[in-house]
């Protein structure tokens, strides 16, 4: 490999949310942070060089996206995802969550329903409810260790107030990469009921061998007229702190409405570091991505082997993302302690499933985008913690 993903780099004291806030966030000391979706890998060298060049220029005024930026985004989407994006479809947002928040406010009224498929990325719930809209939950169904959509349930729940479908693709936290047929079936339902689909595809580049991501509006004719796709280089290349995302809106009336809402809410403008990093990543970061995907596959193999040594613990096999959904329900840990056990007893900070709307206690989300040594230490702690109750009983 050209890039080194094995070296453990101390990120404490750098203002890292993941590392510097872990003890306060989880109310413990010395926990390994494997919670927030932030890689412990350095970004690609061309990205670092682009940031250095931007800093050396010495001017940090108001910025815009130059033609070269749009060209890089368009080329990436075409090469990696087979979607021909036009320049004027691309709108700026300082992040996918701010974009989703803006869209929900701009395209619905208070009391309208927004569809989610739980367990799902927890900000979805907050941005719906805090804006006075209502969550219409269409829970995913876990069958034989794999989550699936339940579209019959969704269609039975739809009302006249259902306006937007928030699609998480690939899915965070359960790791599904929806098949083309699954997306076609969903598309048929959405077209039939006149739903606006907001596809959060921020993890679209992080897919394991044997699976392929499909951009939602490409699966059926006419979907581009009722779909907004939210993307970014942030998850792919570990750039979330640079607050640069692309909201791709093919239909001009939807795009105009988004633009008006962005101006009204003062969504802001790009920053020169974010645009420089994104352009460099898309132009020169593909080799880094291929190597990180290989490393993540190795990390997932490690997790599967380690989990097999923990009685009752099951790994819901991810097809994409670097997030792993773990099922602790059969480990023998008392049900009342399942949500917080790994953090308090194993000192491994993971996100409890209830934060994602899991209907049953006992699921957690673990971030495995870290050096193998960090992963090994985490699983050693987990094995010891789970074994303690059995050895003392």
Protein backbone atom coordinates (compact mmCIF):
# COMPACT_ATOMS: atom_id res chain seq x y z
CA UNK A 1 0.00 0.00 0.00
CA UNK A 2 1.08 3.57 -0.69
CA UNK A 3 -0.70 4.93 2.36
CA UNK A 4 -0.16 4.02 6.01
CA UNK A 5 -3.34 3.26 7.94
CA UNK A 6 -1.65 1.27 10.71
CA UNK A 7 0.13 4.07 12.57
CA UNK A 8 -1.76 5.26 15.62
CA UNK A 9 -1.71 9.07 15.71
CA UNK A 10 -2.56 10.88 18.94
CA UNK A 11 -5.46 13.24 18.21
CA UNK A 12 -6.04 14.35 21.77
CA UNK A 13 -5.67 18.07 22.36
CA UNK A 14 -6.39 18.95 18.72
CA UNK A 15 -10.00 20.02 19.25
CA UNK A 16 -11.26 16.67 17.97
CA UNK A 17 -14.89 16.03 18.89
CA UNK A 18 -14.23 12.30 18.69
CA UNK A 19 -11.25 12.28 21.06
CA UNK A 20 -11.45 15.44 23.17
CA UNK A 21 -15.14 15.21 24.03
CA UNK A 22 -15.49 11.46 24.52
CA UNK A 23 -15.22 11.45 28.33
CA UNK A 24 -17.70 14.31 28.75
CA UNK A 25 -20.06 12.82 26.18
CA UNK A 26 -20.14 9.36 27.77
CA UNK A 27 -19.53 10.29 31.41
CA UNK A 28 -16.50 8.05 31.84
CA UNK A 29 -12.71 8.21 31.79
CA UNK A 30 -10.32 6.51 29.41
CA UNK A 31 -12.84 5.22 26.89
CA UNK A 32 -11.68 4.41 23.36
CA UNK A 33 -13.76 6.66 21.06
CA UNK A 34 -15.44 4.52 18.43
CA UNK A 35 -18.64 6.51 18.16
CA UNK A 36 -18.88 9.54 15.85
CA UNK A 37 -18.35 8.91 12.10
CA UNK A 38 -14.83 10.33 11.85
CA UNK A 39 -11.91 8.23 10.57
CA UNK A 40 -8.63 7.93 12.48
CA UNK A 41 -6.78 8.00 9.15
CA UNK A 42 -4.94 10.99 7.69
CA UNK A 43 -6.61 12.42 4.60
CA UNK A 44 -4.88 11.82 1.25
CA UNK A 45 -1.58 13.60 0.67
CA UNK A 46 -2.94 15.61 -2.32
CA UNK A 47 -5.65 17.01 -0.02
CA UNK A 48 -3.07 18.06 2.57
CA UNK A 49 -0.98 19.71 -0.14
CA UNK A 50 -4.00 21.59 -1.49
CA UNK A 51 -4.76 22.88 2.01
CA UNK A 52 -1.14 23.98 2.48
CA UNK A 53 -1.24 25.84 -0.83
CA UNK A 54 -4.47 27.57 0.18
CA UNK A 55 -2.99 28.57 3.54
CA UNK A 56 0.23 29.86 1.98
CA UNK A 57 -1.75 32.14 -0.32
CA UNK A 58 -2.71 34.03 2.81
CA UNK A 59 -6.15 35.30 1.80
CA UNK A 60 -9.24 33.88 3.47
CA UNK A 61 -12.03 36.12 2.32
CA UNK A 62 -15.46 35.17 1.05
CA UNK A 63 -15.18 32.26 -1.34
CA UNK A 64 -17.05 30.69 -4.20
CA UNK A 65 -16.89 27.46 -6.16
CA UNK A 66 -14.82 27.88 -9.32
CA UNK A 67 -15.39 25.94 -12.56
CA UNK A 68 -12.61 23.50 -11.64
CA UNK A 69 -14.51 22.53 -8.50
CA UNK A 70 -17.68 21.72 -10.43
CA UNK A 71 -15.67 19.79 -13.01
CA UNK A 72 -14.11 17.63 -10.28
CA UNK A 73 -17.48 16.83 -8.69
CA UNK A 74 -19.08 16.04 -12.06
CA UNK A 75 -16.17 13.79 -13.12
CA UNK A 76 -16.26 11.91 -9.82
CA UNK A 77 -19.99 11.28 -9.95
CA UNK A 78 -19.73 10.06 -13.52
CA UNK A 79 -16.73 7.79 -13.00
CA UNK A 80 -17.60 6.34 -9.59
CA UNK A 81 -21.39 6.31 -9.82
CA UNK A 82 -22.37 6.49 -13.48
CA UNK A 83 -24.51 9.60 -13.01
CA UNK A 84 -24.18 12.48 -15.45
CA UNK A 85 -24.59 15.57 -13.29
CA UNK A 86 -24.91 19.03 -14.80
CA UNK A 87 -23.08 21.96 -13.26
CA UNK A 88 -26.16 24.00 -12.42
CA UNK A 89 -27.63 21.07 -10.46
CA UNK A 90 -24.93 21.42 -7.78
CA UNK A 91 -25.80 23.61 -4.79
CA UNK A 92 -23.57 24.33 -1.82
CA UNK A 93 -24.30 23.43 1.78
CA UNK A 94 -21.96 23.51 4.80
CA UNK A 95 -23.03 19.96 5.55
CA UNK A 96 -25.64 17.35 4.71
CA UNK A 97 -27.53 17.82 7.99
CA UNK A 98 -27.91 21.60 7.47
CA UNK A 99 -29.16 20.83 3.96
CA UNK A 100 -31.70 18.31 5.24
CA UNK A 101 -32.88 20.77 7.87
CA UNK A 102 -33.33 23.47 5.25
CA UNK A 103 -35.15 21.13 2.86
CA UNK A 104 -37.61 19.93 5.49
CA UNK A 105 -38.50 23.53 6.33
CA UNK A 106 -38.65 24.64 2.70
CA UNK A 107 -40.76 21.80 1.30
CA UNK A 108 -43.16 21.04 4.15
CA UNK A 109 -45.48 22.86 6.52
CA UNK A 110 -45.81 22.43 10.29
CA UNK A 111 -47.72 19.22 10.98
CA UNK A 112 -46.64 17.54 7.74
CA UNK A 113 -45.11 14.08 7.93
CA UNK A 114 -41.56 13.15 6.95
CA UNK A 115 -40.78 9.46 6.42
CA UNK A 116 -37.75 7.80 8.02
CA UNK A 117 -36.69 4.16 8.18
CA UNK A 118 -35.48 3.38 11.68
CA UNK A 119 -33.03 2.58 13.07
CA UNK A 120 -31.50 5.51 11.22
CA UNK A 121 -29.02 8.38 11.59
CA UNK A 122 -30.34 10.15 14.68
CA UNK A 123 -30.30 13.79 13.43
CA UNK A 124 -33.14 12.81 11.09
CA UNK A 125 -35.53 12.69 14.06
CA UNK A 126 -34.35 15.97 15.56
CA UNK A 127 -34.51 18.04 12.39
CA UNK A 128 -38.07 16.84 11.75
CA UNK A 129 -39.44 17.30 15.24
CA UNK A 130 -37.70 20.57 16.10
CA UNK A 131 -39.15 22.15 12.99
CA UNK A 132 -42.70 21.21 14.02
CA UNK A 133 -43.04 18.38 11.53
CA UNK A 134 -44.00 14.80 12.40
CA UNK A 135 -41.98 11.63 11.99
CA UNK A 136 -43.65 8.88 9.99
CA UNK A 137 -41.58 5.85 10.92
CA UNK A 138 -41.32 2.93 8.51
CA UNK A 139 -39.06 0.59 10.52
CA UNK A 140 -36.61 -1.64 8.74
CA UNK A 141 -37.14 -5.36 9.36
CA UNK A 142 -34.29 -7.55 10.60
CA UNK A 143 -34.54 -10.99 9.05
CA UNK A 144 -31.78 -13.62 9.12
CA UNK A 145 -29.20 -11.05 10.15
CA UNK A 146 -30.04 -8.56 7.38
CA UNK A 147 -32.24 -5.48 7.36
CA UNK A 148 -34.86 -4.97 4.67
CA UNK A 149 -37.39 -2.29 3.77
CA UNK A 150 -41.04 -2.97 4.56
CA UNK A 151 -42.81 -1.07 1.80
CA UNK A 152 -46.17 -2.65 2.53
CA UNK A 153 -45.98 -1.13 6.01
CA UNK A 154 -45.01 2.23 4.52
CA UNK A 155 -47.86 2.30 2.02
CA UNK A 156 -50.37 1.37 4.72
CA UNK A 157 -49.22 4.29 6.88
CA UNK A 158 -49.19 7.03 4.23
CA UNK A 159 -51.56 9.92 4.77
CA UNK A 160 -52.31 13.12 2.89
CA UNK A 161 -49.81 14.89 5.15
CA UNK A 162 -46.86 12.70 4.09
CA UNK A 163 -44.60 14.94 2.01
CA UNK A 164 -40.97 13.80 2.14
CA UNK A 165 -39.12 10.50 2.20
CA UNK A 166 -35.69 10.72 3.88
CA UNK A 167 -33.72 7.90 2.28
CA UNK A 168 -30.42 6.91 3.89
CA UNK A 169 -28.39 5.21 1.17
CA UNK A 170 -26.05 3.50 2.01
CA UNK A 171 -27.83 3.12 5.31
CA UNK A 172 -26.42 4.46 8.56
CA UNK A 173 -26.25 2.65 10.99
CA UNK A 174 -27.23 -0.82 9.67
CA UNK A 175 -24.83 -0.75 6.70
CA UNK A 176 -27.21 -1.82 3.94
CA UNK A 177 -26.31 -0.89 0.38
CA UNK A 178 -29.75 -1.02 -1.19
CA UNK A 179 -29.98 -3.12 -4.33
CA UNK A 180 -31.21 -1.56 -7.56
CA UNK A 181 -34.42 -3.59 -7.32
CA UNK A 182 -35.10 -2.43 -3.77
CA UNK A 183 -34.66 1.16 -4.88
CA UNK A 184 -36.91 0.61 -7.90
CA UNK A 185 -39.67 -0.72 -5.66
CA UNK A 186 -39.29 2.28 -3.37
CA UNK A 187 -39.25 4.61 -6.35
CA UNK A 188 -42.50 3.19 -7.68
CA UNK A 189 -44.18 3.84 -4.34
CA UNK A 190 -42.83 7.38 -4.10
CA UNK A 191 -43.87 8.24 -7.65
CA UNK A 192 -47.30 6.75 -7.08
CA UNK A 193 -47.88 8.89 -3.99
CA UNK A 194 -46.14 12.07 -5.12
CA UNK A 195 -43.43 12.01 -2.45
CA UNK A 196 -40.33 14.19 -2.61
CA UNK A 197 -37.31 11.96 -1.96
CA UNK A 198 -34.29 13.36 -0.18
CA UNK A 199 -31.48 10.86 -0.65
CA UNK A 200 -28.69 11.16 1.90
CA UNK A 201 -25.92 9.44 -0.06
CA UNK A 202 -22.96 10.77 1.92
CA UNK A 203 -21.51 7.25 2.37
CA UNK A 204 -21.88 6.39 -1.33
CA UNK A 205 -18.17 5.79 -1.96
CA UNK A 206 -17.73 3.43 1.00
CA UNK A 207 -18.98 0.10 -0.31
CA UNK A 208 -17.53 -3.37 0.32
CA UNK A 209 -16.70 -5.90 -2.43
CA UNK A 210 -19.72 -7.69 -3.82
CA UNK A 211 -22.00 -4.66 -3.47
CA UNK A 212 -22.63 -1.60 -5.60
CA UNK A 213 -24.20 1.73 -4.72
CA UNK A 214 -26.96 2.97 -7.01
CA UNK A 215 -27.74 6.69 -7.13
CA UNK A 216 -31.44 6.85 -6.36
CA UNK A 217 -32.76 9.10 -9.18
CA UNK A 218 -31.15 6.84 -11.81
CA UNK A 219 -33.36 3.81 -11.10
CA UNK A 220 -36.59 5.09 -12.71
CA UNK A 221 -37.43 7.62 -15.39
CA UNK A 222 -38.95 10.73 -13.88
CA UNK A 223 -37.23 10.44 -10.50
CA UNK A 224 -34.88 13.33 -11.19
CA UNK A 225 -37.92 15.62 -11.10
CA UNK A 226 -38.74 14.66 -7.49
CA UNK A 227 -35.37 13.79 -5.92
CA UNK A 228 -32.69 15.79 -4.14
CA UNK A 229 -29.38 13.98 -3.59
CA UNK A 230 -27.07 15.06 -0.77
CA UNK A 231 -23.39 14.13 -1.13
CA UNK A 232 -19.98 15.20 0.12
CA UNK A 233 -16.35 14.18 0.10
CA UNK A 234 -16.40 14.35 3.88
CA UNK A 235 -17.04 10.70 4.81
CA UNK A 236 -15.06 9.36 1.85
CA UNK A 237 -11.87 11.31 2.57
CA UNK A 238 -12.31 12.25 6.25
CA UNK A 239 -13.05 15.94 5.72
CA UNK A 240 -16.16 16.63 7.86
CA UNK A 241 -14.53 19.53 9.72
CA UNK A 242 -14.23 21.49 6.46
CA UNK A 243 -18.02 21.79 6.14
CA UNK A 244 -18.44 21.40 2.40
CA UNK A 245 -21.27 19.37 0.87
CA UNK A 246 -22.98 19.18 -2.50
CA UNK A 247 -26.76 19.17 -2.79
CA UNK A 248 -27.57 17.90 -6.28
CA UNK A 249 -31.00 19.01 -7.53
CA UNK A 250 -31.78 18.22 -11.19
CA UNK A 251 -35.27 19.80 -11.26
CA UNK A 252 -35.00 23.58 -11.65
CA UNK A 253 -38.11 24.46 -9.64
CA UNK A 254 -36.90 22.45 -6.67
CA UNK A 255 -33.46 24.01 -7.09
CA UNK A 256 -34.89 27.53 -7.12
CA UNK A 257 -36.92 26.80 -4.00
CA UNK A 258 -33.84 25.42 -2.26
CA UNK A 259 -31.84 28.49 -3.28
CA UNK A 260 -34.49 30.86 -1.96
CA UNK A 261 -34.59 28.99 1.35
CA UNK A 262 -30.79 29.03 1.58
CA UNK A 263 -30.78 32.80 1.15
CA UNK A 264 -33.60 33.28 3.64
CA UNK A 265 -31.90 31.14 6.28
CA UNK A 266 -28.42 32.52 5.56
CA UNK A 267 -27.02 29.07 4.86
CA UNK A 268 -23.67 30.67 4.09
CA UNK A 269 -21.06 30.38 1.38
CA UNK A 270 -18.17 27.96 0.79
CA UNK A 271 -14.87 28.33 2.59
CA UNK A 272 -11.65 28.18 0.55
CA UNK A 273 -10.26 25.22 2.49
CA UNK A 274 -13.36 23.09 2.00
CA UNK A 275 -13.54 23.65 -1.74
CA UNK A 276 -9.78 23.14 -2.20
CA UNK A 277 -9.85 19.90 -0.24
CA UNK A 278 -12.92 18.55 -2.04
CA UNK A 279 -11.52 19.32 -5.49
CA UNK A 280 -8.15 17.74 -4.65
CA UNK A 281 -9.80 14.67 -3.17
CA UNK A 282 -11.98 14.07 -6.22
CA UNK A 283 -9.13 14.71 -8.66
CA UNK A 284 -6.31 12.87 -6.90
CA UNK A 285 -7.74 10.79 -4.05
CA UNK A 286 -8.98 7.68 -5.80
CA UNK A 287 -5.95 5.56 -4.98
CA UNK A 288 -6.28 6.52 -1.29
CA UNK A 289 -9.94 5.51 -1.39
CA UNK A 290 -9.20 2.12 -2.93
CA UNK A 291 -6.56 1.46 -0.28
CA UNK A 292 -8.76 2.58 2.59
CA UNK A 293 -11.57 0.32 1.33
CA UNK A 294 -9.14 -2.60 1.35
CA UNK A 295 -8.04 -1.73 4.88
CA UNK A 296 -11.62 -1.40 6.08
CA UNK A 297 -12.40 -4.83 4.64
CA UNK A 298 -9.53 -6.18 6.73
CA UNK A 299 -10.89 -4.39 9.79
CA UNK A 300 -14.30 -5.93 9.20
CA UNK A 301 -12.73 -9.40 8.94
CA UNK A 302 -10.98 -8.71 12.24
CA UNK A 303 -14.26 -7.67 13.89
CA UNK A 304 -15.97 -10.84 12.68
CA UNK A 305 -13.22 -13.03 14.13
CA UNK A 306 -13.18 -11.11 17.41
CA UNK A 307 -16.96 -11.13 17.74
CA UNK A 308 -17.00 -14.91 17.32
CA UNK A 309 -15.12 -15.13 20.63
CA UNK A 310 -17.84 -13.23 22.49
CA UNK A 311 -20.75 -15.57 23.24
CA UNK A 312 -24.06 -14.24 21.98
CA UNK A 313 -22.66 -11.19 20.21
CA UNK A 314 -23.69 -10.84 16.56
CA UNK A 315 -22.34 -8.58 13.85
CA UNK A 316 -24.92 -7.29 11.39
CA UNK A 317 -22.73 -7.52 8.31
CA UNK A 318 -22.32 -4.10 6.70
CA UNK A 319 -22.37 -3.84 2.93
CA UNK A 320 -21.14 -0.26 3.06
CA UNK A 321 -19.94 2.55 5.39
CA UNK A 322 -17.27 2.08 8.07
CA UNK A 323 -19.92 1.71 10.77
CA UNK A 324 -20.83 -1.67 12.25
CA UNK A 325 -24.17 -2.43 13.92
CA UNK A 326 -23.70 -4.90 16.76
CA UNK A 327 -26.40 -7.03 18.37
CA UNK A 328 -25.73 -7.70 22.07
CA UNK A 329 -29.15 -9.04 22.98
CA UNK A 330 -28.00 -12.63 23.50
CA UNK A 331 -24.77 -11.92 25.38
CA UNK A 332 -26.23 -12.48 28.83
CA UNK A 333 -25.72 -8.87 29.85
CA UNK A 334 -28.74 -7.75 31.90
CA UNK A 335 -31.25 -6.02 29.64
CA UNK A 336 -31.22 -2.87 31.74
CA UNK A 337 -27.49 -2.44 31.13
CA UNK A 338 -27.22 -3.32 27.45
CA UNK A 339 -27.29 0.24 26.13
CA UNK A 340 -24.35 1.49 28.22
CA UNK A 341 -22.44 -1.69 29.02
CA UNK A 342 -19.61 -1.34 26.51
CA UNK A 343 -18.90 2.23 27.55
CA UNK A 344 -19.08 1.80 31.31
CA UNK A 345 -17.61 -1.70 31.64
CA UNK A 346 -15.40 -2.15 28.57
CA UNK A 347 -14.42 1.52 28.23
CA UNK A 348 -15.28 1.43 24.52
CA UNK A 349 -17.40 4.42 23.52
CA UNK A 350 -20.03 3.36 20.99
CA UNK A 351 -23.43 4.82 20.12
CA UNK A 352 -26.42 3.12 21.74
CA UNK A 353 -29.04 1.83 19.33
CA UNK A 354 -31.82 3.78 21.01
CA UNK A 355 -30.29 7.00 19.65
CA UNK A 356 -31.07 5.72 16.16
CA UNK A 357 -34.64 4.78 16.99
CA UNK A 358 -34.00 1.06 17.55
CA UNK A 359 -37.19 -0.45 18.89
CA UNK A 360 -35.36 -2.91 21.16
CA UNK A 361 -32.48 -2.35 23.56
CA UNK A 362 -29.25 -4.19 22.83
CA UNK A 363 -27.89 -2.72 19.60
CA UNK A 364 -24.88 -0.41 19.31
CA UNK A 365 -23.01 1.28 16.46
CA UNK A 366 -19.23 0.99 16.27
CA UNK A 367 -16.88 3.00 14.03
CA UNK A 368 -14.15 0.69 12.67
CA UNK A 369 -12.27 3.31 10.62
CA UNK A 370 -9.17 3.20 12.78
CA UNK A 371 -5.76 1.51 12.90
CA UNK A 372 -5.93 -2.24 13.46
CA UNK A 373 -4.15 -1.85 16.80
CA UNK A 374 -6.92 0.42 18.08
CA UNK A 375 -9.52 -2.07 16.94
CA UNK A 376 -7.65 -4.91 18.64
CA UNK A 377 -7.51 -3.02 21.93
CA UNK A 378 -11.24 -2.26 21.73
CA UNK A 379 -12.18 -5.90 21.20
CA UNK A 380 -9.83 -7.09 23.93
CA UNK A 381 -11.67 -4.76 26.30
CA UNK A 382 -15.04 -6.00 25.08
CA UNK A 383 -14.11 -9.67 25.50
CA UNK A 384 -12.87 -9.09 29.04
CA UNK A 385 -15.91 -7.04 30.03
CA UNK A 386 -18.44 -9.54 28.70
CA UNK A 387 -16.58 -12.43 30.34
CA UNK A 388 -16.58 -10.80 33.80
CA UNK A 389 -20.24 -11.49 34.74
CA UNK A 390 -19.91 -15.13 33.64
CA UNK A 391 -16.68 -15.67 35.57
CA UNK A 392 -18.07 -14.12 38.77
CA UNK A 393 -21.43 -15.94 38.71
